[in-house]
Amino acid sequence: MRYQELEETLCRLPTVDAARVVGENGTIREIHILGSPGKAPKQVVRDVQSLAMAQFGLTVDRRVISVVQIENEEIGRSDRPAIVDILEEPVGSKLTVTVTLAWRNEMITGVASGPSAATTRLRSVGEATVAALEHAIGDDAAVALAALETPTIGTRQVAVAQIVIVSGGEERVLVGSALVGANEAQAAVRAVLDAVNRIVPSFRR
């Protein structure tokens, strides 16, 4: 199955601005849709299923399709990556994290693996976010996660990320933060994005 061809076909749907298909051994595991309002998300899911069947003869389980809808104006001017999905898959003693971001009408995905332990879980989330950002930055720079912690500041827990970027022979250390609410993983991703959001638009795609 040529997943890129399916992505391009899905983008022809009127309310779909970007699509990312994740598959393994010919089986579709995830379909992420970035769209604009106009149809209910459930109808968008049905449209995706119908198009996949009509064009490729594929039966797609609705449960693997996720839909995020953003106003067209926001998509058009968005120069900073936004969170679409965070997937954590524990297998035995390992944890694989997949982070999907929306950026410039596209979806970029990063994957990282580490021990399936509470003490290293958020670092894997941060590294997956950095891996996704590497797709946005391209070959213009090297980026790495130096540290990711969740200290308590005042009365609130805060995710703090330290990112190192090397570009043009210059090393830059950036720090970002995000309040931790009900979802620690989301706070970790937001902290990484907060660190790099001001400079990512300056790199080419």
N, C-alpha and C. Protein backbone atom coordinates (compact mmCIF):
# COMPACT_ATOMS: atom_id res chain seq x y z
N MET A 1 0.84 -1.20 0.00
CA MET A 1 0.00 0.00 0.00
C MET A 1 0.87 1.24 0.00
N ARG A 2 0.62 2.15 -0.95
CA ARG A 2 1.37 3.41 -1.00
C ARG A 2 0.62 4.45 -0.18
N TYR A 3 1.08 4.63 1.03
CA TYR A 3 0.37 5.51 1.96
C TYR A 3 0.37 6.96 1.49
N GLN A 4 1.44 7.38 0.82
CA GLN A 4 1.49 8.77 0.33
C GLN A 4 0.39 9.03 -0.68
N GLU A 5 0.11 8.06 -1.52
CA GLU A 5 -0.96 8.21 -2.51
C GLU A 5 -2.32 8.34 -1.83
N LEU A 6 -2.51 7.57 -0.76
CA LEU A 6 -3.76 7.67 0.01
C LEU A 6 -3.86 9.04 0.67
N GLU A 7 -2.77 9.55 1.23
CA GLU A 7 -2.77 10.87 1.85
C GLU A 7 -3.15 11.95 0.84
N GLU A 8 -2.55 11.88 -0.34
CA GLU A 8 -2.84 12.88 -1.38
C GLU A 8 -4.30 12.81 -1.81
N THR A 9 -4.84 11.61 -1.88
CA THR A 9 -6.24 11.44 -2.28
C THR A 9 -7.17 12.00 -1.21
N LEU A 10 -6.88 11.73 0.06
CA LEU A 10 -7.71 12.24 1.15
C LEU A 10 -7.73 13.76 1.18
N CYS A 11 -6.62 14.38 0.79
CA CYS A 11 -6.54 15.85 0.80
C CYS A 11 -7.44 16.49 -0.27
N ARG A 12 -7.99 15.68 -1.15
CA ARG A 12 -8.92 16.21 -2.15
C ARG A 12 -10.32 16.43 -1.56
N LEU A 13 -10.57 15.85 -0.39
CA LEU A 13 -11.86 16.08 0.26
C LEU A 13 -11.96 17.55 0.64
N PRO A 14 -13.10 18.19 0.44
CA PRO A 14 -13.24 19.65 0.64
C PRO A 14 -12.86 20.14 2.03
N THR A 15 -13.12 19.34 3.06
CA THR A 15 -12.86 19.81 4.42
C THR A 15 -11.56 19.25 5.00
N VAL A 16 -10.72 18.65 4.16
CA VAL A 16 -9.44 18.10 4.62
C VAL A 16 -8.30 18.97 4.10
N ASP A 17 -7.51 19.51 5.03
CA ASP A 17 -6.36 20.34 4.65
C ASP A 17 -5.05 19.56 4.64
N ALA A 18 -4.96 18.53 5.47
CA ALA A 18 -3.76 17.70 5.50
C ALA A 18 -4.13 16.34 6.05
N ALA A 19 -3.37 15.31 5.64
CA ALA A 19 -3.63 13.96 6.11
C ALA A 19 -2.32 13.23 6.32
N ARG A 20 -2.29 12.40 7.34
CA ARG A 20 -1.12 11.57 7.61
C ARG A 20 -1.61 10.15 7.87
N VAL A 21 -1.07 9.20 7.11
CA VAL A 21 -1.44 7.79 7.26
C VAL A 21 -0.25 7.04 7.84
N VAL A 22 -0.50 6.31 8.91
CA VAL A 22 0.54 5.51 9.55
C VAL A 22 0.16 4.04 9.39
N GLY A 23 1.04 3.28 8.76
CA GLY A 23 0.75 1.87 8.53
C GLY A 23 1.95 0.99 8.78
N GLU A 24 1.68 -0.30 8.86
CA GLU A 24 2.74 -1.27 9.10
C GLU A 24 2.37 -2.58 8.43
N ASN A 25 3.27 -3.07 7.58
CA ASN A 25 3.04 -4.34 6.88
C ASN A 25 1.73 -4.36 6.11
N GLY A 26 1.41 -3.23 5.49
CA GLY A 26 0.20 -3.16 4.68
C GLY A 26 -1.08 -2.92 5.45
N THR A 27 -0.96 -2.77 6.78
CA THR A 27 -2.14 -2.52 7.61
C THR A 27 -2.15 -1.08 8.10
N ILE A 28 -3.25 -0.38 7.90
CA ILE A 28 -3.37 1.00 8.35
C ILE A 28 -3.64 1.01 9.86
N ARG A 29 -2.74 1.65 10.60
CA ARG A 29 -2.88 1.72 12.05
C ARG A 29 -3.49 3.04 12.51
N GLU A 30 -3.18 4.13 11.78
CA GLU A 30 -3.69 5.44 12.17
C GLU A 30 -3.89 6.30 10.92
N ILE A 31 -4.92 7.13 10.94
CA ILE A 31 -5.10 8.17 9.94
C ILE A 31 -5.41 9.46 10.69
N HIS A 32 -4.55 10.44 10.54
CA HIS A 32 -4.74 11.74 11.19
C HIS A 32 -5.20 12.75 10.15
N ILE A 33 -6.30 13.40 10.43
CA ILE A 33 -6.87 14.38 9.51
C ILE A 33 -6.85 15.76 10.13
N LEU A 34 -6.29 16.73 9.42
CA LEU A 34 -6.36 18.13 9.81
C LEU A 34 -7.30 18.81 8.85
N GLY A 35 -8.39 19.36 9.39
CA GLY A 35 -9.39 19.94 8.50
C GLY A 35 -9.94 21.24 9.01
N SER A 36 -10.82 21.80 8.22
CA SER A 36 -11.49 23.05 8.58
C SER A 36 -12.94 22.74 8.90
N PRO A 37 -13.57 23.56 9.75
CA PRO A 37 -14.98 23.33 10.08
C PRO A 37 -15.86 23.38 8.83
N GLY A 38 -16.98 22.73 8.90
CA GLY A 38 -17.88 22.69 7.75
C GLY A 38 -18.69 21.42 7.80
N LYS A 39 -18.06 20.36 8.30
CA LYS A 39 -18.76 19.09 8.51
C LYS A 39 -18.44 18.60 9.92
N ALA A 40 -19.37 17.85 10.47
CA ALA A 40 -19.12 17.24 11.77
C ALA A 40 -17.98 16.23 11.64
N PRO A 41 -17.13 16.12 12.66
CA PRO A 41 -16.01 15.16 12.59
C PRO A 41 -16.45 13.75 12.23
N LYS A 42 -17.60 13.31 12.74
CA LYS A 42 -18.09 11.96 12.41
C LYS A 42 -18.35 11.82 10.91
N GLN A 43 -18.84 12.89 10.27
CA GLN A 43 -19.09 12.84 8.83
C GLN A 43 -17.77 12.82 8.06
N VAL A 44 -16.76 13.55 8.58
CA VAL A 44 -15.44 13.54 7.94
C VAL A 44 -14.87 12.12 8.01
N VAL A 45 -15.04 11.46 9.15
CA VAL A 45 -14.57 10.07 9.28
C VAL A 45 -15.25 9.18 8.25
N ARG A 46 -16.56 9.35 8.09
CA ARG A 46 -17.28 8.54 7.10
C ARG A 46 -16.81 8.84 5.68
N ASP A 47 -16.50 10.12 5.40
CA ASP A 47 -15.98 10.48 4.08
C ASP A 47 -14.64 9.81 3.82
N VAL A 48 -13.79 9.77 4.84
CA VAL A 48 -12.48 9.12 4.71
C VAL A 48 -12.67 7.64 4.43
N GLN A 49 -13.57 7.00 5.17
CA GLN A 49 -13.82 5.58 4.95
C GLN A 49 -14.35 5.32 3.54
N SER A 50 -15.29 6.15 3.10
CA SER A 50 -15.90 5.96 1.78
C SER A 50 -14.88 6.15 0.66
N LEU A 51 -14.03 7.17 0.79
CA LEU A 51 -13.04 7.44 -0.24
C LEU A 51 -11.99 6.33 -0.29
N ALA A 52 -11.58 5.85 0.88
CA ALA A 52 -10.59 4.77 0.91
C ALA A 52 -11.14 3.51 0.26
N MET A 53 -12.42 3.24 0.48
CA MET A 53 -13.03 2.07 -0.13
C MET A 53 -13.23 2.24 -1.63
N ALA A 54 -13.73 3.41 -2.04
CA ALA A 54 -14.03 3.63 -3.45
C ALA A 54 -12.76 3.69 -4.29
N GLN A 55 -11.71 4.35 -3.77
CA GLN A 55 -10.51 4.58 -4.56
C GLN A 55 -9.51 3.43 -4.48
N PHE A 56 -9.42 2.80 -3.28
CA PHE A 56 -8.37 1.80 -3.07
C PHE A 56 -8.90 0.44 -2.64
N GLY A 57 -10.23 0.33 -2.44
CA GLY A 57 -10.79 -0.93 -1.98
C GLY A 57 -10.40 -1.28 -0.57
N LEU A 58 -10.13 -0.24 0.26
CA LEU A 58 -9.68 -0.45 1.63
C LEU A 58 -10.82 -0.27 2.62
N THR A 59 -10.93 -1.19 3.54
CA THR A 59 -11.87 -1.05 4.65
C THR A 59 -11.11 -0.48 5.83
N VAL A 60 -11.45 0.74 6.24
CA VAL A 60 -10.73 1.42 7.33
C VAL A 60 -11.63 1.49 8.56
N ASP A 61 -11.14 1.00 9.68
CA ASP A 61 -11.86 1.06 10.95
C ASP A 61 -11.96 2.51 11.39
N ARG A 62 -13.16 2.96 11.70
CA ARG A 62 -13.34 4.36 12.10
C ARG A 62 -12.53 4.72 13.34
N ARG A 63 -12.19 3.72 14.16
CA ARG A 63 -11.46 3.98 15.40
C ARG A 63 -10.01 4.40 15.17
N VAL A 64 -9.47 4.15 13.98
CA VAL A 64 -8.09 4.55 13.70
C VAL A 64 -8.02 5.94 13.08
N ILE A 65 -9.17 6.57 12.85
CA ILE A 65 -9.21 7.89 12.21
C ILE A 65 -9.43 8.96 13.27
N SER A 66 -8.50 9.92 13.35
CA SER A 66 -8.67 11.05 14.26
C SER A 66 -8.78 12.33 13.43
N VAL A 67 -9.67 13.22 13.86
CA VAL A 67 -9.93 14.44 13.11
C VAL A 67 -9.72 15.66 14.01
N VAL A 68 -8.91 16.60 13.55
CA VAL A 68 -8.71 17.88 14.23
C VAL A 68 -9.15 18.97 13.26
N GLN A 69 -10.03 19.84 13.72
CA GLN A 69 -10.54 20.90 12.85
C GLN A 69 -10.10 22.27 13.37
N ILE A 70 -9.52 23.08 12.47
CA ILE A 70 -9.04 24.41 12.80
C ILE A 70 -9.56 25.38 11.75
N GLU A 71 -9.89 26.59 12.17
CA GLU A 71 -10.35 27.59 11.21
C GLU A 71 -9.30 27.78 10.11
N ASN A 72 -9.75 27.93 8.87
CA ASN A 72 -8.83 28.09 7.75
C ASN A 72 -7.86 29.24 7.94
N GLU A 73 -8.35 30.35 8.53
CA GLU A 73 -7.48 31.50 8.72
C GLU A 73 -6.31 31.16 9.62
N GLU A 74 -6.58 30.34 10.65
CA GLU A 74 -5.52 29.96 11.57
C GLU A 74 -4.52 29.06 10.88
N ILE A 75 -5.02 28.12 10.06
CA ILE A 75 -4.12 27.21 9.35
C ILE A 75 -3.24 28.00 8.40
N GLY A 76 -3.80 28.95 7.70
CA GLY A 76 -3.05 29.70 6.71
C GLY A 76 -1.93 30.52 7.29
N ARG A 77 -2.13 31.05 8.50
CA ARG A 77 -1.09 31.91 9.03
C ARG A 77 -0.23 31.23 10.09
N SER A 78 -0.56 29.96 10.42
CA SER A 78 0.16 29.27 11.47
C SER A 78 1.58 28.97 11.04
N ASP A 79 2.54 29.58 11.71
CA ASP A 79 3.94 29.34 11.41
C ASP A 79 4.60 28.56 12.54
N ARG A 80 3.77 28.10 13.48
CA ARG A 80 4.30 27.36 14.61
C ARG A 80 3.61 26.01 14.70
N PRO A 81 4.35 24.96 14.98
CA PRO A 81 3.73 23.63 15.07
C PRO A 81 2.67 23.57 16.16
N ALA A 82 1.61 22.80 15.91
CA ALA A 82 0.54 22.61 16.88
C ALA A 82 0.34 21.11 17.11
N ILE A 83 -0.07 20.74 18.31
CA ILE A 83 -0.26 19.34 18.66
C ILE A 83 -1.50 18.78 17.98
N VAL A 84 -1.34 17.64 17.33
CA VAL A 84 -2.47 16.92 16.74
C VAL A 84 -2.74 15.65 17.55
N ASP A 85 -1.68 14.89 17.86
CA ASP A 85 -1.91 13.62 18.55
C ASP A 85 -0.64 13.17 19.27
N ILE A 86 -0.83 12.52 20.43
CA ILE A 86 0.26 11.90 21.18
C ILE A 86 -0.14 10.46 21.44
N LEU A 87 0.61 9.52 20.91
CA LEU A 87 0.28 8.10 21.06
C LEU A 87 1.40 7.41 21.83
N GLU A 88 1.03 6.75 22.93
CA GLU A 88 1.99 6.01 23.74
C GLU A 88 1.65 4.52 23.66
N GLU A 89 2.62 3.71 23.23
CA GLU A 89 2.39 2.28 23.05
C GLU A 89 3.40 1.47 23.87
N PRO A 90 2.99 0.98 25.04
CA PRO A 90 3.88 0.12 25.82
C PRO A 90 3.88 -1.30 25.28
N VAL A 91 5.07 -1.84 25.04
CA VAL A 91 5.20 -3.23 24.59
C VAL A 91 6.28 -3.87 25.45
N GLY A 92 5.85 -4.72 26.36
CA GLY A 92 6.81 -5.35 27.26
C GLY A 92 7.50 -4.31 28.12
N SER A 93 8.82 -4.30 28.05
CA SER A 93 9.60 -3.37 28.88
C SER A 93 9.90 -2.06 28.17
N LYS A 94 9.37 -1.88 26.94
CA LYS A 94 9.65 -0.68 26.18
C LYS A 94 8.39 0.15 25.94
N LEU A 95 8.59 1.44 25.77
CA LEU A 95 7.50 2.36 25.44
C LEU A 95 7.84 3.10 24.16
N THR A 96 6.95 3.04 23.18
CA THR A 96 7.14 3.79 21.94
C THR A 96 6.14 4.93 21.91
N VAL A 97 6.66 6.13 21.69
CA VAL A 97 5.82 7.33 21.67
C VAL A 97 5.84 7.93 20.27
N THR A 98 4.66 8.24 19.75
CA THR A 98 4.52 8.90 18.45
C THR A 98 3.82 10.24 18.66
N VAL A 99 4.48 11.31 18.26
CA VAL A 99 3.91 12.65 18.38
C VAL A 99 3.66 13.19 16.98
N THR A 100 2.43 13.63 16.73
CA THR A 100 2.06 14.21 15.44
C THR A 100 1.75 15.68 15.62
N LEU A 101 2.38 16.52 14.79
CA LEU A 101 2.20 17.97 14.86
C LEU A 101 1.66 18.47 13.52
N ALA A 102 0.90 19.55 13.56
CA ALA A 102 0.46 20.22 12.34
C ALA A 102 1.30 21.46 12.16
N TRP A 103 1.79 21.63 10.92
CA TRP A 103 2.63 22.80 10.63
C TRP A 103 2.55 23.13 9.15
N ARG A 104 2.17 24.38 8.86
CA ARG A 104 2.11 24.86 7.46
C ARG A 104 1.31 23.91 6.57
N ASN A 105 0.09 23.58 7.02
CA ASN A 105 -0.82 22.73 6.24
C ASN A 105 -0.31 21.31 6.06
N GLU A 106 0.66 20.90 6.86
CA GLU A 106 1.17 19.54 6.77
C GLU A 106 1.15 18.90 8.16
N MET A 107 1.31 17.60 8.19
CA MET A 107 1.45 16.90 9.45
C MET A 107 2.85 16.29 9.51
N ILE A 108 3.53 16.50 10.61
CA ILE A 108 4.86 15.95 10.81
C ILE A 108 4.83 15.04 12.03
N THR A 109 5.48 13.89 11.91
CA THR A 109 5.41 12.88 12.96
C THR A 109 6.81 12.50 13.43
N GLY A 110 6.95 12.36 14.74
CA GLY A 110 8.21 11.91 15.32
C GLY A 110 7.96 10.72 16.23
N VAL A 111 8.93 9.80 16.26
CA VAL A 111 8.80 8.59 17.07
C VAL A 111 10.04 8.43 17.94
N ALA A 112 9.85 8.02 19.18
CA ALA A 112 10.96 7.75 20.08
C ALA A 112 10.60 6.56 20.96
N SER A 113 11.61 5.79 21.36
CA SER A 113 11.39 4.63 22.22
C SER A 113 12.31 4.70 23.42
N GLY A 114 11.84 4.14 24.52
CA GLY A 114 12.63 4.11 25.74
C GLY A 114 12.06 3.09 26.69
N PRO A 115 12.62 2.99 27.89
CA PRO A 115 12.09 2.04 28.87
C PRO A 115 10.65 2.40 29.25
N SER A 116 9.85 1.38 29.52
CA SER A 116 8.47 1.60 29.94
C SER A 116 8.48 1.84 31.45
N ALA A 117 8.98 3.03 31.82
CA ALA A 117 9.11 3.39 33.23
C ALA A 117 8.58 4.80 33.44
N ALA A 118 7.99 5.03 34.60
CA ALA A 118 7.42 6.35 34.88
C ALA A 118 8.48 7.44 34.87
N THR A 119 9.71 7.10 35.28
CA THR A 119 10.77 8.10 35.38
C THR A 119 11.30 8.54 34.02
N THR A 120 11.10 7.73 32.98
CA THR A 120 11.65 8.07 31.66
C THR A 120 10.56 8.34 30.63
N ARG A 121 9.30 8.18 31.03
CA ARG A 121 8.18 8.31 30.09
C ARG A 121 8.16 9.68 29.41
N LEU A 122 8.22 10.76 30.19
CA LEU A 122 8.12 12.09 29.61
C LEU A 122 9.31 12.42 28.73
N ARG A 123 10.48 11.86 29.05
CA ARG A 123 11.63 12.11 28.18
C ARG A 123 11.39 11.50 26.80
N SER A 124 10.78 10.32 26.75
CA SER A 124 10.46 9.71 25.46
C SER A 124 9.47 10.58 24.69
N VAL A 125 8.51 11.18 25.41
CA VAL A 125 7.55 12.09 24.77
C VAL A 125 8.29 13.30 24.19
N GLY A 126 9.22 13.85 24.97
CA GLY A 126 9.99 15.00 24.50
C GLY A 126 10.86 14.66 23.30
N GLU A 127 11.48 13.49 23.32
CA GLU A 127 12.34 13.09 22.20
C GLU A 127 11.52 12.83 20.94
N ALA A 128 10.30 12.31 21.09
CA ALA A 128 9.43 12.13 19.92
C ALA A 128 9.04 13.48 19.33
N THR A 129 8.82 14.46 20.20
CA THR A 129 8.49 15.81 19.73
C THR A 129 9.66 16.41 18.96
N VAL A 130 10.86 16.24 19.50
CA VAL A 130 12.06 16.73 18.81
C VAL A 130 12.23 16.04 17.46
N ALA A 131 11.96 14.72 17.42
CA ALA A 131 12.07 13.98 16.16
C ALA A 131 11.10 14.53 15.11
N ALA A 132 9.90 14.92 15.55
CA ALA A 132 8.94 15.53 14.62
C ALA A 132 9.45 16.88 14.14
N LEU A 133 10.01 17.66 15.04
CA LEU A 133 10.52 18.99 14.67
C LEU A 133 11.69 18.90 13.68
N GLU A 134 12.43 17.82 13.76
CA GLU A 134 13.55 17.64 12.82
C GLU A 134 13.05 17.59 11.38
N HIS A 135 11.84 17.07 11.18
CA HIS A 135 11.26 17.05 9.84
C HIS A 135 10.96 18.47 9.36
N ALA A 136 10.56 19.33 10.29
CA ALA A 136 10.25 20.71 9.94
C ALA A 136 11.52 21.51 9.68
N ILE A 137 12.53 21.27 10.49
CA ILE A 137 13.78 22.02 10.36
C ILE A 137 14.60 21.54 9.18
N GLY A 138 14.50 20.24 8.85
CA GLY A 138 15.26 19.69 7.74
C GLY A 138 16.74 19.60 8.08
N ASP A 139 17.58 19.87 7.08
CA ASP A 139 19.03 19.76 7.27
C ASP A 139 19.66 21.07 7.72
N ASP A 140 18.84 22.07 8.01
CA ASP A 140 19.39 23.38 8.37
C ASP A 140 20.01 23.40 9.75
N ALA A 141 19.65 22.46 10.62
CA ALA A 141 20.16 22.46 11.98
C ALA A 141 20.02 21.08 12.59
N ALA A 142 20.79 20.84 13.65
CA ALA A 142 20.67 19.63 14.46
C ALA A 142 20.03 20.02 15.78
N VAL A 143 19.03 19.27 16.20
CA VAL A 143 18.30 19.61 17.41
C VAL A 143 18.24 18.40 18.34
N ALA A 144 18.35 18.63 19.65
CA ALA A 144 18.33 17.54 20.62
C ALA A 144 17.67 18.01 21.91
N LEU A 145 17.09 17.05 22.61
CA LEU A 145 16.51 17.33 23.92
C LEU A 145 17.58 17.15 24.98
N ALA A 146 17.94 18.23 25.67
CA ALA A 146 18.97 18.16 26.70
C ALA A 146 18.38 17.72 28.04
N ALA A 147 17.18 18.22 28.35
CA ALA A 147 16.56 17.87 29.62
C ALA A 147 15.07 18.16 29.57
N LEU A 148 14.32 17.39 30.35
CA LEU A 148 12.88 17.61 30.47
C LEU A 148 12.47 17.22 31.89
N GLU A 149 12.05 18.19 32.66
CA GLU A 149 11.69 17.96 34.05
C GLU A 149 10.31 18.57 34.34
N THR A 150 9.70 18.13 35.44
CA THR A 150 8.40 18.68 35.85
C THR A 150 8.46 19.13 37.31
N PRO A 151 9.19 20.19 37.61
CA PRO A 151 9.28 20.68 38.99
C PRO A 151 7.99 21.37 39.43
N THR A 152 7.85 21.52 40.73
CA THR A 152 6.73 22.29 41.28
C THR A 152 7.21 23.70 41.56
N ILE A 153 6.58 24.67 40.93
CA ILE A 153 6.93 26.08 41.10
C ILE A 153 5.74 26.78 41.74
N GLY A 154 5.94 27.28 42.93
CA GLY A 154 4.82 27.82 43.68
C GLY A 154 3.89 26.69 44.05
N THR A 155 2.67 26.75 43.59
CA THR A 155 1.71 25.69 43.89
C THR A 155 1.38 24.83 42.67
N ARG A 156 2.07 25.06 41.54
CA ARG A 156 1.74 24.35 40.30
C ARG A 156 2.94 23.57 39.78
N GLN A 157 2.64 22.42 39.20
CA GLN A 157 3.67 21.63 38.54
C GLN A 157 3.85 22.16 37.13
N VAL A 158 5.10 22.31 36.71
CA VAL A 158 5.41 22.90 35.41
C VAL A 158 6.36 21.98 34.64
N ALA A 159 6.07 21.74 33.37
CA ALA A 159 7.00 21.01 32.51
C ALA A 159 8.01 21.99 31.94
N VAL A 160 9.28 21.69 32.10
CA VAL A 160 10.35 22.57 31.63
C VAL A 160 11.27 21.76 30.70
N ALA A 161 11.44 22.24 29.48
CA ALA A 161 12.27 21.55 28.49
C ALA A 161 13.47 22.40 28.11
N GLN A 162 14.62 21.77 28.03
CA GLN A 162 15.84 22.44 27.56
C GLN A 162 16.25 21.80 26.23
N ILE A 163 16.30 22.62 25.20
CA ILE A 163 16.60 22.15 23.85
C ILE A 163 17.92 22.74 23.37
N VAL A 164 18.72 21.92 22.71
CA VAL A 164 19.98 22.38 22.12
C VAL A 164 19.86 22.33 20.60
N ILE A 165 20.15 23.45 19.94
CA ILE A 165 20.13 23.51 18.48
C ILE A 165 21.49 23.98 17.99
N VAL A 166 22.05 23.24 17.05
CA VAL A 166 23.32 23.62 16.44
C VAL A 166 23.06 23.95 14.97
N SER A 167 23.39 25.18 14.59
CA SER A 167 23.16 25.63 13.22
C SER A 167 24.27 26.59 12.82
N GLY A 168 24.85 26.35 11.63
CA GLY A 168 25.90 27.24 11.15
C GLY A 168 27.09 27.32 12.08
N GLY A 169 27.38 26.22 12.76
CA GLY A 169 28.51 26.19 13.68
C GLY A 169 28.24 26.86 15.01
N GLU A 170 27.01 27.33 15.23
CA GLU A 170 26.65 28.01 16.47
C GLU A 170 25.72 27.14 17.30
N GLU A 171 26.00 27.04 18.59
CA GLU A 171 25.17 26.26 19.50
C GLU A 171 24.26 27.18 20.30
N ARG A 172 22.98 26.83 20.32
CA ARG A 172 22.01 27.62 21.07
C ARG A 172 21.27 26.73 22.05
N VAL A 173 21.11 27.21 23.27
CA VAL A 173 20.36 26.48 24.28
C VAL A 173 19.06 27.25 24.53
N LEU A 174 17.92 26.55 24.36
CA LEU A 174 16.61 27.18 24.49
C LEU A 174 15.82 26.49 25.59
N VAL A 175 15.01 27.25 26.28
CA VAL A 175 14.20 26.69 27.37
C VAL A 175 12.74 27.07 27.15
N GLY A 176 11.85 26.09 27.35
CA GLY A 176 10.42 26.33 27.23
C GLY A 176 9.69 25.70 28.40
N SER A 177 8.49 26.16 28.66
CA SER A 177 7.74 25.63 29.80
C SER A 177 6.25 25.57 29.47
N ALA A 178 5.53 24.76 30.25
CA ALA A 178 4.07 24.65 30.12
C ALA A 178 3.52 24.12 31.43
N LEU A 179 2.40 24.65 31.85
CA LEU A 179 1.76 24.17 33.06
C LEU A 179 1.28 22.74 32.86
N VAL A 180 1.45 21.91 33.88
CA VAL A 180 0.99 20.52 33.82
C VAL A 180 -0.44 20.47 34.35
N GLY A 181 -1.34 20.00 33.52
CA GLY A 181 -2.73 19.83 33.94
C GLY A 181 -3.03 18.36 34.10
N ALA A 182 -4.11 17.92 33.50
CA ALA A 182 -4.51 16.51 33.60
C ALA A 182 -3.66 15.62 32.70
N ASN A 183 -3.00 16.21 31.69
CA ASN A 183 -2.25 15.42 30.72
C ASN A 183 -0.78 15.83 30.75
N GLU A 184 0.04 15.04 31.42
CA GLU A 184 1.47 15.34 31.54
C GLU A 184 2.18 15.29 30.19
N ALA A 185 1.80 14.32 29.37
CA ALA A 185 2.44 14.17 28.07
C ALA A 185 2.21 15.41 27.20
N GLN A 186 1.00 15.92 27.22
CA GLN A 186 0.70 17.12 26.44
C GLN A 186 1.50 18.31 26.94
N ALA A 187 1.67 18.42 28.26
CA ALA A 187 2.48 19.50 28.82
C ALA A 187 3.93 19.38 28.39
N ALA A 188 4.44 18.14 28.30
CA ALA A 188 5.82 17.93 27.87
C ALA A 188 6.01 18.39 26.42
N VAL A 189 5.04 18.03 25.56
CA VAL A 189 5.13 18.46 24.15
C VAL A 189 5.06 19.98 24.06
N ARG A 190 4.16 20.59 24.82
CA ARG A 190 4.01 22.05 24.78
C ARG A 190 5.28 22.75 25.27
N ALA A 191 5.94 22.17 26.25
CA ALA A 191 7.18 22.76 26.75
C ALA A 191 8.27 22.76 25.68
N VAL A 192 8.38 21.64 24.96
CA VAL A 192 9.36 21.56 23.86
C VAL A 192 9.02 22.58 22.78
N LEU A 193 7.75 22.66 22.41
CA LEU A 193 7.34 23.60 21.37
C LEU A 193 7.55 25.05 21.83
N ASP A 194 7.30 25.31 23.11
CA ASP A 194 7.50 26.65 23.64
C ASP A 194 8.96 27.08 23.51
N ALA A 195 9.86 26.12 23.65
CA ALA A 195 11.29 26.43 23.55
C ALA A 195 11.70 26.82 22.13
N VAL A 196 11.08 26.18 21.12
CA VAL A 196 11.56 26.36 19.74
C VAL A 196 10.62 27.16 18.85
N ASN A 197 9.41 27.47 19.33
CA ASN A 197 8.40 28.12 18.48
C ASN A 197 8.88 29.42 17.85
N ARG A 198 9.73 30.15 18.54
CA ARG A 198 10.15 31.44 18.00
C ARG A 198 11.17 31.31 16.87
N ILE A 199 11.85 30.17 16.81
CA ILE A 199 12.90 30.04 15.79
C ILE A 199 12.58 29.06 14.69
N VAL A 200 11.63 28.13 14.91
CA VAL A 200 11.30 27.15 13.87
C VAL A 200 10.91 27.82 12.56
N PRO A 201 10.08 28.92 12.58
CA PRO A 201 9.71 29.54 11.29
C PRO A 201 10.90 30.04 10.48
N SER A 202 12.04 30.26 11.12
CA SER A 202 13.20 30.80 10.40
C SER A 202 13.93 29.72 9.60
N PHE A 203 13.64 28.46 9.92
CA PHE A 203 14.26 27.37 9.17
C PHE A 203 13.40 27.01 7.97
N ARG A 204 14.02 26.47 6.95
CA ARG A 204 13.27 26.11 5.75
C ARG A 204 12.55 24.79 5.97
N ARG A 205 11.58 24.51 5.10
CA ARG A 205 10.86 23.24 5.13
C ARG A 205 11.38 22.41 3.98
